[in-house]
Amino acid sequence: MDTSTYVVDRQKALGRFRTLPWSWKLEAERKAMGKSIETLWRSWDASDDEFQLAYDDARSTVAGFTDAVGRHLLKSAMTCSRS
């Protein structure tokens, strides 16, 4: 995939996410994910060890963001089913 396409698609996806009425609840996770991805991009030309560390951190923070979204959606679904 072309790098510029990936960056634009990622920005569009995050922009759409931020329009959701509950997105503010996950702002800390979103910011952490963005920071770790930026660090990963900056480490592209660094040593293999530095890149691997940034890669592992990015994977972890993306997983944390995804998990937080999933927990929120599950909690919302459970709340709706009780109504």
N, C-alpha and C. Protein backbone atom coordinates (compact mmCIF):
# COMPACT_ATOMS: atom_id res chain seq x y z
N MET A 1 0.85 -1.17 0.00
CA MET A 1 0.00 0.00 0.00
C MET A 1 0.89 1.23 0.00
N ASP A 2 0.51 2.20 -0.78
CA ASP A 2 1.24 3.46 -0.83
C ASP A 2 1.18 4.14 0.53
N THR A 3 2.32 4.61 1.01
CA THR A 3 2.39 5.24 2.32
C THR A 3 1.45 6.43 2.44
N SER A 4 1.39 7.27 1.43
CA SER A 4 0.52 8.45 1.51
C SER A 4 -0.94 8.04 1.58
N THR A 5 -1.31 6.97 0.91
CA THR A 5 -2.70 6.48 0.98
C THR A 5 -3.01 6.03 2.39
N TYR A 6 -2.09 5.30 3.02
CA TYR A 6 -2.29 4.83 4.38
C TYR A 6 -2.50 5.99 5.34
N VAL A 7 -1.65 6.99 5.25
CA VAL A 7 -1.74 8.14 6.16
C VAL A 7 -3.07 8.87 5.96
N VAL A 8 -3.47 9.10 4.72
CA VAL A 8 -4.74 9.79 4.45
C VAL A 8 -5.91 8.96 4.96
N ASP A 9 -5.90 7.66 4.69
CA ASP A 9 -6.99 6.80 5.16
C ASP A 9 -7.07 6.78 6.68
N ARG A 10 -5.91 6.74 7.34
CA ARG A 10 -5.88 6.74 8.81
C ARG A 10 -6.46 8.05 9.34
N GLN A 11 -6.08 9.15 8.73
CA GLN A 11 -6.59 10.45 9.17
C GLN A 11 -8.10 10.54 8.96
N LYS A 12 -8.59 10.04 7.84
CA LYS A 12 -10.03 10.05 7.59
C LYS A 12 -10.76 9.21 8.62
N ALA A 13 -10.22 8.03 8.92
CA ALA A 13 -10.86 7.14 9.90
C ALA A 13 -10.89 7.79 11.28
N LEU A 14 -9.80 8.41 11.69
CA LEU A 14 -9.79 9.07 12.99
C LEU A 14 -10.73 10.27 13.00
N GLY A 15 -10.82 10.97 11.89
CA GLY A 15 -11.75 12.09 11.78
C GLY A 15 -13.19 11.62 11.92
N ARG A 16 -13.52 10.52 11.27
CA ARG A 16 -14.88 9.97 11.38
C ARG A 16 -15.15 9.50 12.80
N PHE A 17 -14.17 8.86 13.42
CA PHE A 17 -14.32 8.40 14.80
C PHE A 17 -14.64 9.57 15.72
N ARG A 18 -13.96 10.68 15.52
CA ARG A 18 -14.14 11.83 16.42
C ARG A 18 -15.52 12.48 16.27
N THR A 19 -16.28 12.12 15.23
CA THR A 19 -17.63 12.67 15.08
C THR A 19 -18.66 11.87 15.87
N LEU A 20 -18.28 10.71 16.38
CA LEU A 20 -19.22 9.91 17.16
C LEU A 20 -19.53 10.62 18.47
N PRO A 21 -20.77 10.57 18.93
CA PRO A 21 -21.14 11.33 20.13
C PRO A 21 -20.40 10.91 21.40
N TRP A 22 -19.88 9.72 21.44
CA TRP A 22 -19.20 9.23 22.64
C TRP A 22 -17.68 9.19 22.48
N SER A 23 -17.16 9.68 21.38
CA SER A 23 -15.71 9.56 21.13
C SER A 23 -14.86 10.26 22.19
N TRP A 24 -15.40 11.29 22.80
CA TRP A 24 -14.64 12.02 23.82
C TRP A 24 -14.25 11.10 24.98
N LYS A 25 -15.03 10.05 25.21
CA LYS A 25 -14.74 9.14 26.31
C LYS A 25 -13.45 8.35 26.08
N LEU A 26 -13.02 8.29 24.83
CA LEU A 26 -11.83 7.51 24.48
C LEU A 26 -10.71 8.40 23.96
N GLU A 27 -10.76 9.67 24.32
CA GLU A 27 -9.77 10.63 23.82
C GLU A 27 -8.35 10.27 24.28
N ALA A 28 -8.20 9.84 25.52
CA ALA A 28 -6.86 9.49 26.03
C ALA A 28 -6.26 8.35 25.23
N GLU A 29 -7.07 7.33 24.95
CA GLU A 29 -6.58 6.19 24.17
C GLU A 29 -6.27 6.61 22.73
N ARG A 30 -7.10 7.46 22.16
CA ARG A 30 -6.87 7.93 20.79
C ARG A 30 -5.57 8.73 20.71
N LYS A 31 -5.34 9.61 21.68
CA LYS A 31 -4.12 10.41 21.68
C LYS A 31 -2.88 9.53 21.86
N ALA A 32 -2.97 8.54 22.75
CA ALA A 32 -1.84 7.64 22.98
C ALA A 32 -1.53 6.85 21.70
N MET A 33 -2.59 6.40 21.01
CA MET A 33 -2.40 5.67 19.77
C MET A 33 -1.73 6.56 18.72
N GLY A 34 -2.22 7.77 18.57
CA GLY A 34 -1.64 8.69 17.60
C GLY A 34 -0.19 8.98 17.88
N LYS A 35 0.14 9.19 19.14
CA LYS A 35 1.53 9.48 19.52
C LYS A 35 2.43 8.30 19.22
N SER A 36 1.97 7.09 19.53
CA SER A 36 2.82 5.92 19.29
C SER A 36 3.00 5.67 17.79
N ILE A 37 1.98 5.93 16.99
CA ILE A 37 2.11 5.76 15.54
C ILE A 37 3.07 6.81 14.97
N GLU A 38 2.99 8.03 15.46
CA GLU A 38 3.92 9.06 15.02
C GLU A 38 5.36 8.68 15.38
N THR A 39 5.56 8.13 16.57
CA THR A 39 6.89 7.68 16.98
C THR A 39 7.38 6.56 16.08
N LEU A 40 6.48 5.66 15.70
CA LEU A 40 6.84 4.58 14.79
C LEU A 40 7.31 5.14 13.45
N TRP A 41 6.58 6.09 12.90
CA TRP A 41 6.99 6.70 11.62
C TRP A 41 8.34 7.37 11.75
N ARG A 42 8.58 8.07 12.87
CA ARG A 42 9.86 8.75 13.06
C ARG A 42 11.02 7.76 13.20
N SER A 43 10.73 6.56 13.67
CA SER A 43 11.80 5.58 13.89
C SER A 43 12.08 4.74 12.65
N TRP A 44 11.45 5.03 11.55
CA TRP A 44 11.59 4.23 10.33
C TRP A 44 13.05 4.03 9.95
N ASP A 45 13.85 5.10 10.02
CA ASP A 45 15.25 5.02 9.62
C ASP A 45 16.19 4.81 10.81
N ALA A 46 15.65 4.53 11.97
CA ALA A 46 16.47 4.32 13.16
C ALA A 46 17.04 2.88 13.14
N SER A 47 17.72 2.55 14.18
CA SER A 47 18.27 1.18 14.27
C SER A 47 17.11 0.18 14.34
N ASP A 48 17.43 -1.06 14.04
CA ASP A 48 16.40 -2.11 14.09
C ASP A 48 15.78 -2.22 15.48
N ASP A 49 16.62 -2.10 16.51
CA ASP A 49 16.12 -2.20 17.87
C ASP A 49 15.16 -1.06 18.21
N GLU A 50 15.51 0.16 17.80
CA GLU A 50 14.65 1.31 18.05
C GLU A 50 13.32 1.17 17.30
N PHE A 51 13.41 0.72 16.06
CA PHE A 51 12.19 0.53 15.28
C PHE A 51 11.32 -0.55 15.91
N GLN A 52 11.92 -1.65 16.34
CA GLN A 52 11.14 -2.74 16.94
C GLN A 52 10.45 -2.27 18.21
N LEU A 53 11.14 -1.49 19.01
CA LEU A 53 10.55 -0.96 20.23
C LEU A 53 9.35 -0.07 19.90
N ALA A 54 9.51 0.81 18.92
CA ALA A 54 8.40 1.68 18.51
C ALA A 54 7.26 0.87 17.92
N TYR A 55 7.58 -0.15 17.15
CA TYR A 55 6.57 -1.02 16.55
C TYR A 55 5.77 -1.74 17.63
N ASP A 56 6.47 -2.31 18.60
CA ASP A 56 5.79 -3.01 19.69
C ASP A 56 4.89 -2.06 20.49
N ASP A 57 5.38 -0.84 20.73
CA ASP A 57 4.57 0.15 21.45
C ASP A 57 3.34 0.53 20.65
N ALA A 58 3.51 0.74 19.35
CA ALA A 58 2.37 1.10 18.50
C ALA A 58 1.33 -0.02 18.49
N ARG A 59 1.77 -1.26 18.34
CA ARG A 59 0.83 -2.39 18.36
C ARG A 59 0.07 -2.44 19.68
N SER A 60 0.77 -2.19 20.77
CA SER A 60 0.14 -2.23 22.09
C SER A 60 -0.89 -1.12 22.26
N THR A 61 -0.54 0.09 21.84
CA THR A 61 -1.48 1.19 22.01
C THR A 61 -2.67 1.09 21.06
N VAL A 62 -2.45 0.59 19.86
CA VAL A 62 -3.57 0.37 18.93
C VAL A 62 -4.50 -0.70 19.51
N ALA A 63 -3.92 -1.76 20.07
CA ALA A 63 -4.73 -2.80 20.70
C ALA A 63 -5.51 -2.23 21.89
N GLY A 64 -4.87 -1.35 22.66
CA GLY A 64 -5.55 -0.71 23.79
C GLY A 64 -6.72 0.14 23.34
N PHE A 65 -6.52 0.88 22.26
CA PHE A 65 -7.60 1.71 21.71
C PHE A 65 -8.74 0.82 21.23
N THR A 66 -8.40 -0.21 20.47
CA THR A 66 -9.41 -1.13 19.95
C THR A 66 -10.18 -1.79 21.08
N ASP A 67 -9.48 -2.20 22.12
CA ASP A 67 -10.11 -2.82 23.28
C ASP A 67 -11.05 -1.84 23.98
N ALA A 68 -10.62 -0.60 24.12
CA ALA A 68 -11.45 0.42 24.78
C ALA A 68 -12.73 0.67 23.98
N VAL A 69 -12.61 0.73 22.65
CA VAL A 69 -13.80 0.91 21.81
C VAL A 69 -14.73 -0.29 21.98
N GLY A 70 -14.17 -1.49 21.95
CA GLY A 70 -14.98 -2.69 22.11
C GLY A 70 -15.70 -2.74 23.45
N ARG A 71 -14.99 -2.39 24.53
CA ARG A 71 -15.62 -2.34 25.86
C ARG A 71 -16.75 -1.33 25.89
N HIS A 72 -16.53 -0.17 25.27
CA HIS A 72 -17.57 0.86 25.26
C HIS A 72 -18.80 0.36 24.49
N LEU A 73 -18.58 -0.24 23.33
CA LEU A 73 -19.70 -0.72 22.52
C LEU A 73 -20.45 -1.84 23.24
N LEU A 74 -19.72 -2.73 23.90
CA LEU A 74 -20.36 -3.81 24.64
C LEU A 74 -21.19 -3.25 25.79
N LYS A 75 -20.63 -2.31 26.51
CA LYS A 75 -21.35 -1.68 27.62
C LYS A 75 -22.61 -0.98 27.11
N SER A 76 -22.49 -0.27 25.98
CA SER A 76 -23.65 0.41 25.39
C SER A 76 -24.72 -0.59 24.97
N ALA A 77 -24.29 -1.70 24.37
CA ALA A 77 -25.25 -2.72 23.92
C ALA A 77 -25.97 -3.34 25.11
N MET A 78 -25.25 -3.57 26.18
CA MET A 78 -25.87 -4.15 27.38
C MET A 78 -26.86 -3.17 28.00
N THR A 79 -26.52 -1.90 27.99
CA THR A 79 -27.41 -0.88 28.53
C THR A 79 -28.69 -0.80 27.69
N CYS A 80 -28.54 -0.86 26.36
CA CYS A 80 -29.70 -0.79 25.47
C CYS A 80 -30.59 -2.00 25.61
N SER A 81 -29.99 -3.18 25.83
CA SER A 81 -30.80 -4.39 25.94
C SER A 81 -31.61 -4.43 27.23
N ARG A 82 -31.18 -3.70 28.23
CA ARG A 82 -31.92 -3.63 29.50
C ARG A 82 -33.12 -2.68 29.40
N SER A 83 -33.07 -1.81 28.42
CA SER A 83 -34.15 -0.81 28.29
C SER A 83 -35.41 -1.39 27.74
